Amino acid sequence: MIFSQRAFMVLPFELIEEILHRTPAESLIRFKTACKRWYNLISRDKKFMYNHLDKSPERFLRIDGCEMVQIMDPATGISSVTPIPHVFRDTYSIISMVHCDGLMLCICRGHRANACLAVWNPVLRKFKWVKPSVRCWNSDYFGIGYDNASRDKYKILRFWGPLSHPNDDKSDPKFEIKESNSDSWRVLLGAEFDGEVDLDCRGVSVKGNMYWTAENNNKDGFILSFDFSMETFKDLCLCPPESSVTRKLACFDGDRLSLLQQHYEEESPEIEVWVTNKLSDVVVSFHRYLSVTKPGAAALCFNMAITGYSVGKHRNIMAWCEGVDHKEDDGRNVCIKFYEIDEGRITKQIVTGRYRQIIYRGSLNTRSYVYVPSLVSIPGQRNKR
């Protein structure tokens, strides 16, 4: 063991850096104490951090109630379980999250209908509360991204939802933005869009910009985007035609969007996946990428449960979701499963948990997300050795 460590240390540093680039972020944390040069590389070298992030594979992250965080490698099915940070239990339990560069913008349940914000890096096990300028509501919409001129300068967006400010005079600003190097929020006076964001869409961050599913005044579905560089909203493109479906938006291939649609009124609900061309293209539109119509298709969009899903390059779907396993006279068993599905069949099905609920209406406490583990520090926090 001593010989192997010495042999490793005499390797050219460029080769060591390349090896570390291919090492999972979870393992790199343990290497920081090897020597000062490694510590500076892993903890302070922003070029290394972002190069490592761009090469890192996706993971699935699931919050089970207010107690545990489960992280799964979809390639192996191996998962780890750790306690959720104490601050996110009980009073400030997480309602939803938005992922950007391994950072999770957490929207937490506060007192009454109020919401609290925090930024959390699950790998570094660090978090920071984000102080709002005015009262935030659980039904507000939030986003996280960055200016293309400086990737490490993150911004947080907040704007009203249709159920925000109950019984209030609505005198608070409708659109606000906060930069990571500032403690204050700025009002966005010219930020407006026509239509309404879907109530159950919390948005997805791709290449520093935010995207939501929405409906315009004609009830046509479209993708609403927010550019953090220009600080403006834009109608990106129309959604595929839909009827009696639930739909989930996600990132695809790093620089595109995917939209999963499922007909929830059928016994064997059809699954459709649509993807866009590159979001940087002048004209963006959806095309059908995958359709699953075989009997016994999994219910991936089940009631209120938040499903994490990813679409692969080989026309397959990976999803971590929950649903009723089977009925009994006095209640129902809820089964949490990880699926891998292609156009022909379910190729992988792993049961990762069960719980019992008398009347199943979907869980507001169990949520699944796709994220990329990263070494990126919490904005506004200094690293301490």
Protein backbone atom coordinates (compact mmCIF):
# COMPACT_ATOMS: atom_id res chain seq x y z
CA MET A 1 0.00 0.00 0.00
CA ILE A 2 2.85 2.39 0.90
CA PHE A 3 4.61 1.53 -2.36
CA SER A 4 1.49 2.22 -4.42
CA GLN A 5 0.97 5.60 -2.75
CA ARG A 6 4.60 6.60 -3.42
CA ALA A 7 4.38 5.40 -7.01
CA PHE A 8 1.22 7.45 -7.49
CA MET A 9 2.86 10.55 -6.05
CA VAL A 10 5.78 10.45 -8.53
CA LEU A 11 3.48 10.39 -11.56
CA PRO A 12 3.44 13.59 -13.64
CA PHE A 13 0.89 15.95 -12.13
CA GLU A 14 -0.88 16.31 -15.48
CA LEU A 15 -1.53 12.55 -15.43
CA ILE A 16 -2.68 12.69 -11.80
CA GLU A 17 -5.08 15.50 -12.73
CA GLU A 18 -6.51 13.42 -15.59
CA ILE A 19 -7.04 10.48 -13.20
CA LEU A 20 -8.79 12.76 -10.71
CA HIS A 21 -11.01 14.09 -13.49
CA ARG A 22 -12.32 10.55 -13.95
CA THR A 23 -12.81 9.92 -10.23
CA PRO A 24 -16.34 10.37 -8.78
CA ALA A 25 -16.86 13.57 -6.81
CA GLU A 26 -17.92 11.55 -3.77
CA SER A 27 -14.47 9.88 -3.71
CA LEU A 28 -12.49 13.05 -4.40
CA ILE A 29 -13.68 14.54 -1.13
CA ARG A 30 -11.57 11.96 0.71
CA PHE A 31 -8.47 12.84 -1.34
CA LYS A 32 -8.33 16.49 -0.28
CA THR A 33 -6.10 15.72 2.69
CA ALA A 34 -3.52 13.80 0.62
CA CYS A 35 -1.39 16.90 0.10
CA LYS A 36 -1.72 20.67 -0.18
CA ARG A 37 -1.53 20.59 -3.98
CA TRP A 38 -4.43 18.13 -4.20
CA TYR A 39 -6.43 20.17 -1.72
CA ASN A 40 -6.00 23.35 -3.76
CA LEU A 41 -6.89 21.49 -6.96
CA ILE A 42 -10.05 19.85 -5.62
CA SER A 43 -11.29 22.67 -3.39
CA ARG A 44 -10.15 25.88 -5.04
CA ASP A 45 -9.28 25.36 -8.68
CA LYS A 46 -12.45 26.45 -10.50
CA LYS A 47 -11.22 25.25 -13.88
CA PHE A 48 -10.71 21.75 -12.45
CA MET A 49 -14.09 21.84 -10.66
CA TYR A 50 -16.06 22.68 -13.80
CA ASN A 51 -14.07 20.35 -16.06
CA HIS A 52 -14.76 17.54 -13.58
CA LEU A 53 -18.44 18.52 -13.42
CA ASP A 54 -18.82 18.44 -17.21
CA LYS A 55 -17.39 14.90 -17.31
CA SER A 56 -19.40 13.56 -14.37
CA PRO A 57 -22.32 11.17 -14.97
CA GLU A 58 -25.81 11.79 -13.65
CA ARG A 59 -27.10 10.44 -10.37
CA PHE A 60 -30.63 10.11 -9.00
CA LEU A 61 -31.37 11.79 -5.68
CA ARG A 62 -34.43 10.95 -3.62
CA ILE A 63 -35.72 12.49 -0.40
CA ASP A 64 -37.71 10.02 1.68
CA GLY A 65 -39.88 11.95 4.07
CA CYS A 66 -37.96 14.37 6.27
CA GLU A 67 -35.30 11.91 7.38
CA MET A 68 -33.14 10.37 4.65
CA VAL A 69 -31.43 11.23 1.37
CA GLN A 70 -30.90 8.36 -1.04
CA ILE A 71 -28.50 8.75 -4.00
CA MET A 72 -28.38 6.14 -6.76
CA ASP A 73 -25.97 5.48 -9.60
CA PRO A 74 -28.35 4.49 -12.44
CA ALA A 75 -25.61 2.58 -14.27
CA THR A 76 -25.11 0.12 -11.41
CA GLY A 77 -28.28 0.46 -9.33
CA ILE A 78 -26.09 0.93 -6.25
CA SER A 79 -27.38 3.55 -3.82
CA SER A 80 -26.20 5.21 -0.64
CA VAL A 81 -28.35 6.51 2.20
CA THR A 82 -27.45 9.42 4.47
CA PRO A 83 -29.46 11.50 6.96
CA ILE A 84 -30.98 14.63 5.51
CA PRO A 85 -29.40 17.82 6.94
CA HIS A 86 -31.02 18.57 10.26
CA VAL A 87 -32.20 22.03 9.12
CA PHE A 88 -34.41 20.43 6.46
CA ARG A 89 -36.42 18.37 8.91
CA ASP A 90 -39.74 19.17 10.52
CA THR A 91 -40.41 22.93 10.25
CA TYR A 92 -38.32 23.56 7.14
CA SER A 93 -38.98 20.39 5.16
CA ILE A 94 -38.16 20.56 1.44
CA ILE A 95 -41.11 21.11 -0.92
CA SER A 96 -39.18 20.97 -4.18
CA MET A 97 -35.71 21.52 -5.63
CA VAL A 98 -34.10 22.85 -8.81
CA HIS A 99 -30.68 21.52 -9.84
CA CYS A 100 -27.84 23.54 -11.36
CA ASP A 101 -24.18 22.39 -11.48
CA GLY A 102 -24.59 20.01 -8.56
CA LEU A 103 -26.21 22.72 -6.44
CA MET A 104 -29.78 22.19 -5.29
CA LEU A 105 -31.96 25.25 -4.85
CA CYS A 106 -34.29 24.06 -2.10
CA ILE A 107 -37.75 25.53 -1.67
CA CYS A 108 -38.70 24.72 1.91
CA ARG A 109 -41.97 24.84 3.78
CA GLY A 110 -41.92 27.62 6.34
CA HIS A 111 -44.63 28.89 8.68
CA ARG A 112 -48.16 28.79 7.26
CA ALA A 113 -47.99 29.29 3.47
CA ASN A 114 -44.56 30.93 3.58
CA ALA A 115 -41.56 29.47 1.78
CA CYS A 116 -37.87 29.51 2.70
CA LEU A 117 -34.94 29.17 0.31
CA ALA A 118 -31.60 27.41 0.69
CA VAL A 119 -28.76 26.26 -1.59
CA TRP A 120 -27.42 22.78 -0.83
CA ASN A 121 -24.56 20.70 -2.22
CA PRO A 122 -25.26 17.06 -1.22
CA VAL A 123 -21.70 15.92 -2.00
CA LEU A 124 -19.98 18.60 0.08
CA ARG A 125 -22.80 18.33 2.66
CA LYS A 126 -23.00 22.09 2.90
CA PHE A 127 -25.92 24.49 2.64
CA LYS A 128 -26.72 28.16 2.96
CA TRP A 129 -30.00 29.91 3.66
CA VAL A 130 -31.03 32.55 1.12
CA LYS A 131 -32.68 35.51 2.80
CA PRO A 132 -35.70 36.79 0.84
CA SER A 133 -36.42 40.48 0.40
CA VAL A 134 -40.14 39.99 0.95
CA ARG A 135 -42.39 37.16 2.08
CA CYS A 136 -42.15 34.15 -0.24
CA TRP A 137 -45.04 31.76 -0.80
CA ASN A 138 -45.06 28.02 -1.40
CA SER A 139 -46.77 28.66 -4.74
CA ASP A 140 -44.11 31.10 -6.00
CA TYR A 141 -41.80 29.93 -8.79
CA PHE A 142 -38.04 29.88 -8.38
CA GLY A 143 -35.07 29.29 -10.64
CA ILE A 144 -31.28 29.13 -10.49
CA GLY A 145 -28.76 29.78 -13.25
CA TYR A 146 -25.82 31.94 -14.22
CA ASP A 147 -24.61 34.64 -16.57
CA ASN A 148 -22.74 33.09 -19.50
CA ALA A 149 -19.92 35.59 -18.97
CA SER A 150 -19.06 34.00 -15.60
CA ARG A 151 -20.32 30.52 -14.79
CA ASP A 152 -19.50 30.71 -11.08
CA LYS A 153 -21.63 33.83 -10.57
CA TYR A 154 -24.99 32.21 -9.85
CA LYS A 155 -28.35 33.98 -9.77
CA ILE A 156 -31.66 33.07 -8.17
CA LEU A 157 -35.00 34.10 -9.69
CA ARG A 158 -38.37 34.40 -7.95
CA PHE A 159 -41.74 35.27 -9.45
CA TRP A 160 -45.39 34.91 -8.49
CA GLY A 161 -47.51 31.89 -9.14
CA PRO A 162 -51.30 32.09 -9.66
CA LEU A 163 -51.90 31.09 -6.01
CA SER A 164 -49.32 33.45 -4.50
CA HIS A 165 -50.23 36.19 -2.04
CA PRO A 166 -53.58 34.90 -0.77
CA ASN A 167 -55.65 37.66 0.81
CA ASP A 168 -52.82 40.09 0.22
CA ASP A 169 -52.70 43.41 -1.62
CA LYS A 170 -50.00 42.06 -3.95
CA SER A 171 -47.86 45.12 -3.39
CA ASP A 172 -44.65 43.06 -3.33
CA PRO A 173 -42.55 42.93 -6.52
CA LYS A 174 -43.72 40.25 -8.97
CA PHE A 175 -40.27 39.45 -10.40
CA GLU A 176 -37.02 39.50 -8.42
CA ILE A 177 -33.46 38.29 -8.93
CA LYS A 178 -30.53 37.82 -6.56
CA GLU A 179 -26.86 37.44 -7.47
CA SER A 180 -24.54 35.19 -5.45
CA ASN A 181 -22.14 38.05 -4.67
CA SER A 182 -24.92 40.21 -3.23
CA ASP A 183 -27.12 39.97 -0.15
CA SER A 184 -29.95 41.95 -1.75
CA TRP A 185 -32.56 41.23 -4.40
CA ARG A 186 -33.23 43.37 -7.48
CA VAL A 187 -36.67 44.03 -8.91
CA LEU A 188 -37.02 43.06 -12.60
CA LEU A 189 -39.33 45.75 -13.92
CA GLY A 190 -39.36 44.69 -17.58
CA ALA A 191 -39.67 40.95 -16.98
CA GLU A 192 -43.10 39.86 -18.18
CA PHE A 193 -44.60 36.96 -20.11
CA ASP A 194 -48.04 36.01 -21.39
CA GLY A 195 -49.62 32.85 -19.99
CA GLU A 196 -49.28 30.78 -16.83
CA VAL A 197 -46.66 28.27 -15.75
CA ASP A 198 -48.04 24.79 -15.01
CA LEU A 199 -48.83 24.51 -11.31
CA ASP A 200 -46.85 21.30 -10.83
CA CYS A 201 -43.82 22.36 -12.90
CA ARG A 202 -40.93 23.53 -10.76
CA GLY A 203 -38.65 24.11 -13.76
CA VAL A 204 -35.33 22.78 -15.03
CA SER A 205 -32.00 24.59 -15.34
CA VAL A 206 -29.94 23.87 -18.48
CA LYS A 207 -26.67 25.61 -19.39
CA GLY A 208 -27.43 28.41 -16.94
CA ASN A 209 -30.98 29.21 -18.07
CA MET A 210 -34.37 28.12 -16.70
CA TYR A 211 -37.24 26.38 -18.50
CA TRP A 212 -40.86 25.63 -17.51
CA THR A 213 -43.93 24.11 -19.15
CA ALA A 214 -46.69 26.71 -19.43
CA GLU A 215 -49.94 27.57 -21.20
CA ASN A 216 -50.60 30.71 -23.20
CA ASN A 217 -53.88 32.62 -23.30
CA ASN A 218 -55.19 30.23 -25.97
CA LYS A 219 -54.48 27.24 -23.67
CA ASP A 220 -51.69 26.03 -25.94
CA GLY A 221 -48.79 24.41 -24.11
CA PHE A 222 -45.39 26.01 -24.61
CA ILE A 223 -41.92 26.14 -23.05
CA LEU A 224 -41.17 29.33 -21.15
CA SER A 225 -37.50 30.18 -20.74
CA PHE A 226 -35.60 32.71 -18.65
CA ASP A 227 -32.19 33.94 -19.81
CA PHE A 228 -30.05 34.82 -16.79
CA SER A 229 -27.60 36.78 -18.98
CA MET A 230 -30.25 39.04 -20.52
CA GLU A 231 -32.60 38.66 -17.51
CA THR A 232 -35.62 38.27 -19.78
CA PHE A 233 -38.36 35.70 -20.40
CA LYS A 234 -38.95 34.12 -23.80
CA ASP A 235 -41.49 31.78 -25.38
CA LEU A 236 -39.10 29.09 -26.59
CA CYS A 237 -41.39 26.74 -28.53
CA LEU A 238 -44.76 25.00 -28.44
CA CYS A 239 -45.18 21.72 -26.57
CA PRO A 240 -46.30 18.58 -28.43
CA PRO A 241 -50.08 18.16 -28.68
CA GLU A 242 -51.51 16.49 -25.62
CA SER A 243 -54.81 15.22 -24.29
CA SER A 244 -55.43 13.95 -20.74
CA VAL A 245 -51.73 13.56 -19.98
CA THR A 246 -49.31 14.48 -17.28
CA ARG A 247 -46.00 15.88 -18.47
CA LYS A 248 -42.54 16.18 -16.94
CA LEU A 249 -39.71 18.37 -18.22
CA ALA A 250 -36.02 17.46 -17.93
CA CYS A 251 -32.60 18.10 -19.42
CA PHE A 252 -31.50 15.87 -22.30
CA ASP A 253 -27.91 15.32 -23.48
CA GLY A 254 -26.64 18.36 -21.58
CA ASP A 255 -27.94 21.05 -23.92
CA ARG A 256 -31.46 20.02 -24.91
CA LEU A 257 -34.84 19.43 -23.26
CA SER A 258 -36.93 16.29 -22.96
CA LEU A 259 -40.64 16.14 -22.25
CA LEU A 260 -42.16 12.95 -20.88
CA GLN A 261 -45.92 12.60 -21.41
CA GLN A 262 -48.12 9.84 -20.07
CA HIS A 263 -51.83 9.20 -20.51
CA TYR A 264 -52.95 8.69 -16.93
CA GLU A 265 -56.54 7.57 -17.58
CA GLU A 266 -55.60 4.28 -19.23
CA GLU A 267 -54.93 0.97 -17.48
CA SER A 268 -51.64 0.55 -19.37
CA PRO A 269 -50.70 4.19 -19.89
CA GLU A 270 -48.74 5.03 -23.03
CA ILE A 271 -45.43 6.80 -22.48
CA GLU A 272 -44.18 9.36 -24.99
CA VAL A 273 -40.84 11.16 -24.88
CA TRP A 274 -40.20 14.22 -26.99
CA VAL A 275 -36.84 16.00 -27.25
CA THR A 276 -35.71 19.33 -28.68
CA ASN A 277 -32.76 20.19 -30.85
CA LYS A 278 -30.00 22.21 -29.19
CA LEU A 279 -31.32 25.10 -27.12
CA SER A 280 -28.67 27.37 -28.65
CA ASP A 281 -30.16 26.92 -32.13
CA VAL A 282 -32.05 29.83 -33.70
CA VAL A 283 -35.28 27.81 -33.91
CA VAL A 284 -36.07 25.19 -31.25
CA SER A 285 -38.78 22.57 -31.59
CA PHE A 286 -39.77 19.14 -30.24
CA HIS A 287 -39.69 15.86 -32.14
CA ARG A 288 -40.90 12.46 -30.96
CA TYR A 289 -37.98 10.43 -29.63
CA LEU A 290 -39.48 7.41 -27.89
CA SER A 291 -42.90 5.80 -27.46
CA VAL A 292 -43.79 2.91 -25.15
CA THR A 293 -47.18 1.31 -25.78
CA LYS A 294 -46.62 -2.23 -24.51
CA PRO A 295 -49.06 -3.58 -21.88
CA GLY A 296 -47.87 -3.17 -18.31
CA ALA A 297 -46.04 0.10 -18.89
CA ALA A 298 -45.04 1.69 -15.59
CA ALA A 299 -47.00 4.66 -14.25
CA LEU A 300 -44.12 7.14 -14.17
CA CYS A 301 -46.27 10.24 -13.60
CA PHE A 302 -48.32 9.07 -10.66
CA ASN A 303 -50.56 11.59 -8.89
CA MET A 304 -48.65 14.23 -6.91
CA ALA A 305 -45.42 12.25 -6.47
CA ILE A 306 -42.43 14.00 -8.05
CA THR A 307 -40.64 11.66 -10.45
CA GLY A 308 -37.01 11.95 -11.41
CA TYR A 309 -36.33 10.66 -14.91
CA SER A 310 -33.57 10.69 -17.48
CA VAL A 311 -33.66 9.88 -21.19
CA GLY A 312 -30.66 8.01 -22.58
CA LYS A 313 -28.96 8.31 -25.95
CA HIS A 314 -29.96 4.71 -26.75
CA ARG A 315 -33.69 5.49 -26.66
CA ASN A 316 -34.34 4.36 -23.14
CA ILE A 317 -35.90 5.91 -20.04
CA MET A 318 -34.59 5.70 -16.50
CA ALA A 319 -37.02 6.78 -13.79
CA TRP A 320 -37.30 6.64 -10.01
CA CYS A 321 -40.91 6.87 -8.94
CA GLU A 322 -43.61 5.52 -6.67
CA GLY A 323 -47.07 4.09 -7.02
CA VAL A 324 -49.57 1.66 -5.53
CA ASP A 325 -48.12 -1.85 -5.42
CA HIS A 326 -51.33 -3.74 -4.61
CA LYS A 327 -54.54 -3.17 -2.66
CA GLU A 328 -55.67 -4.65 0.60
CA ASP A 329 -58.95 -4.25 2.45
CA ASP A 330 -57.69 -1.71 4.96
CA GLY A 331 -55.16 0.23 2.88
CA ARG A 332 -52.56 0.27 0.17
CA ASN A 333 -48.89 -0.58 -0.05
CA VAL A 334 -46.85 2.05 -1.86
CA CYS A 335 -43.83 0.75 -3.72
CA ILE A 336 -40.85 2.89 -4.74
CA LYS A 337 -39.14 1.54 -7.86
CA PHE A 338 -36.31 2.37 -10.20
CA TYR A 339 -37.16 1.56 -13.84
CA GLU A 340 -35.20 1.29 -17.04
CA ILE A 341 -37.51 1.11 -20.05
CA ASP A 342 -36.92 0.90 -23.80
CA GLU A 343 -39.42 0.89 -26.64
CA GLY A 344 -40.07 -2.82 -26.23
CA ARG A 345 -40.25 -3.52 -22.51
CA ILE A 346 -39.16 -2.79 -18.96
CA THR A 347 -35.53 -3.92 -18.96
CA LYS A 348 -34.76 -3.21 -15.30
CA GLN A 349 -36.97 -2.88 -12.24
CA ILE A 350 -35.51 -2.41 -8.75
CA VAL A 351 -37.61 -2.01 -5.61
CA THR A 352 -35.86 0.56 -3.42
CA GLY A 353 -38.48 1.01 -0.70
CA ARG A 354 -42.02 0.52 0.52
CA TYR A 355 -44.37 2.26 2.88
CA ARG A 356 -48.02 1.99 3.78
CA GLN A 357 -50.71 4.62 3.31
CA ILE A 358 -54.41 4.15 4.04
CA ILE A 359 -55.57 6.23 1.06
CA TYR A 360 -52.87 6.86 -1.52
CA ARG A 361 -53.00 10.29 -3.10
CA GLY A 362 -49.35 10.67 -3.98
CA SER A 363 -46.68 11.71 -1.53
CA LEU A 364 -45.60 15.28 -0.92
CA ASN A 365 -42.66 14.11 1.19
CA THR A 366 -40.93 11.71 -1.21
CA ARG A 367 -39.37 13.31 -4.25
CA SER A 368 -36.90 12.16 -6.88
CA TYR A 369 -34.51 14.28 -8.93
CA VAL A 370 -31.72 13.85 -11.44
CA TYR A 371 -28.56 15.71 -10.57
CA VAL A 372 -24.81 15.69 -11.19
CA PRO A 373 -22.51 15.43 -8.13
CA SER A 374 -20.06 18.31 -8.10
CA LEU A 375 -17.29 20.02 -6.17
CA VAL A 376 -18.77 23.47 -6.78
CA SER A 377 -18.86 25.48 -3.58
CA ILE A 378 -22.01 27.04 -2.19
CA PRO A 379 -22.22 30.56 -3.67
CA GLY A 380 -21.19 33.13 -1.09
CA GLN A 381 -19.48 30.58 1.15
CA ARG A 382 -15.75 30.38 1.63
CA ASN A 383 -13.98 27.05 1.74
CA LYS A 384 -12.30 26.28 5.02
CA ARG A 385 -9.48 23.81 5.27
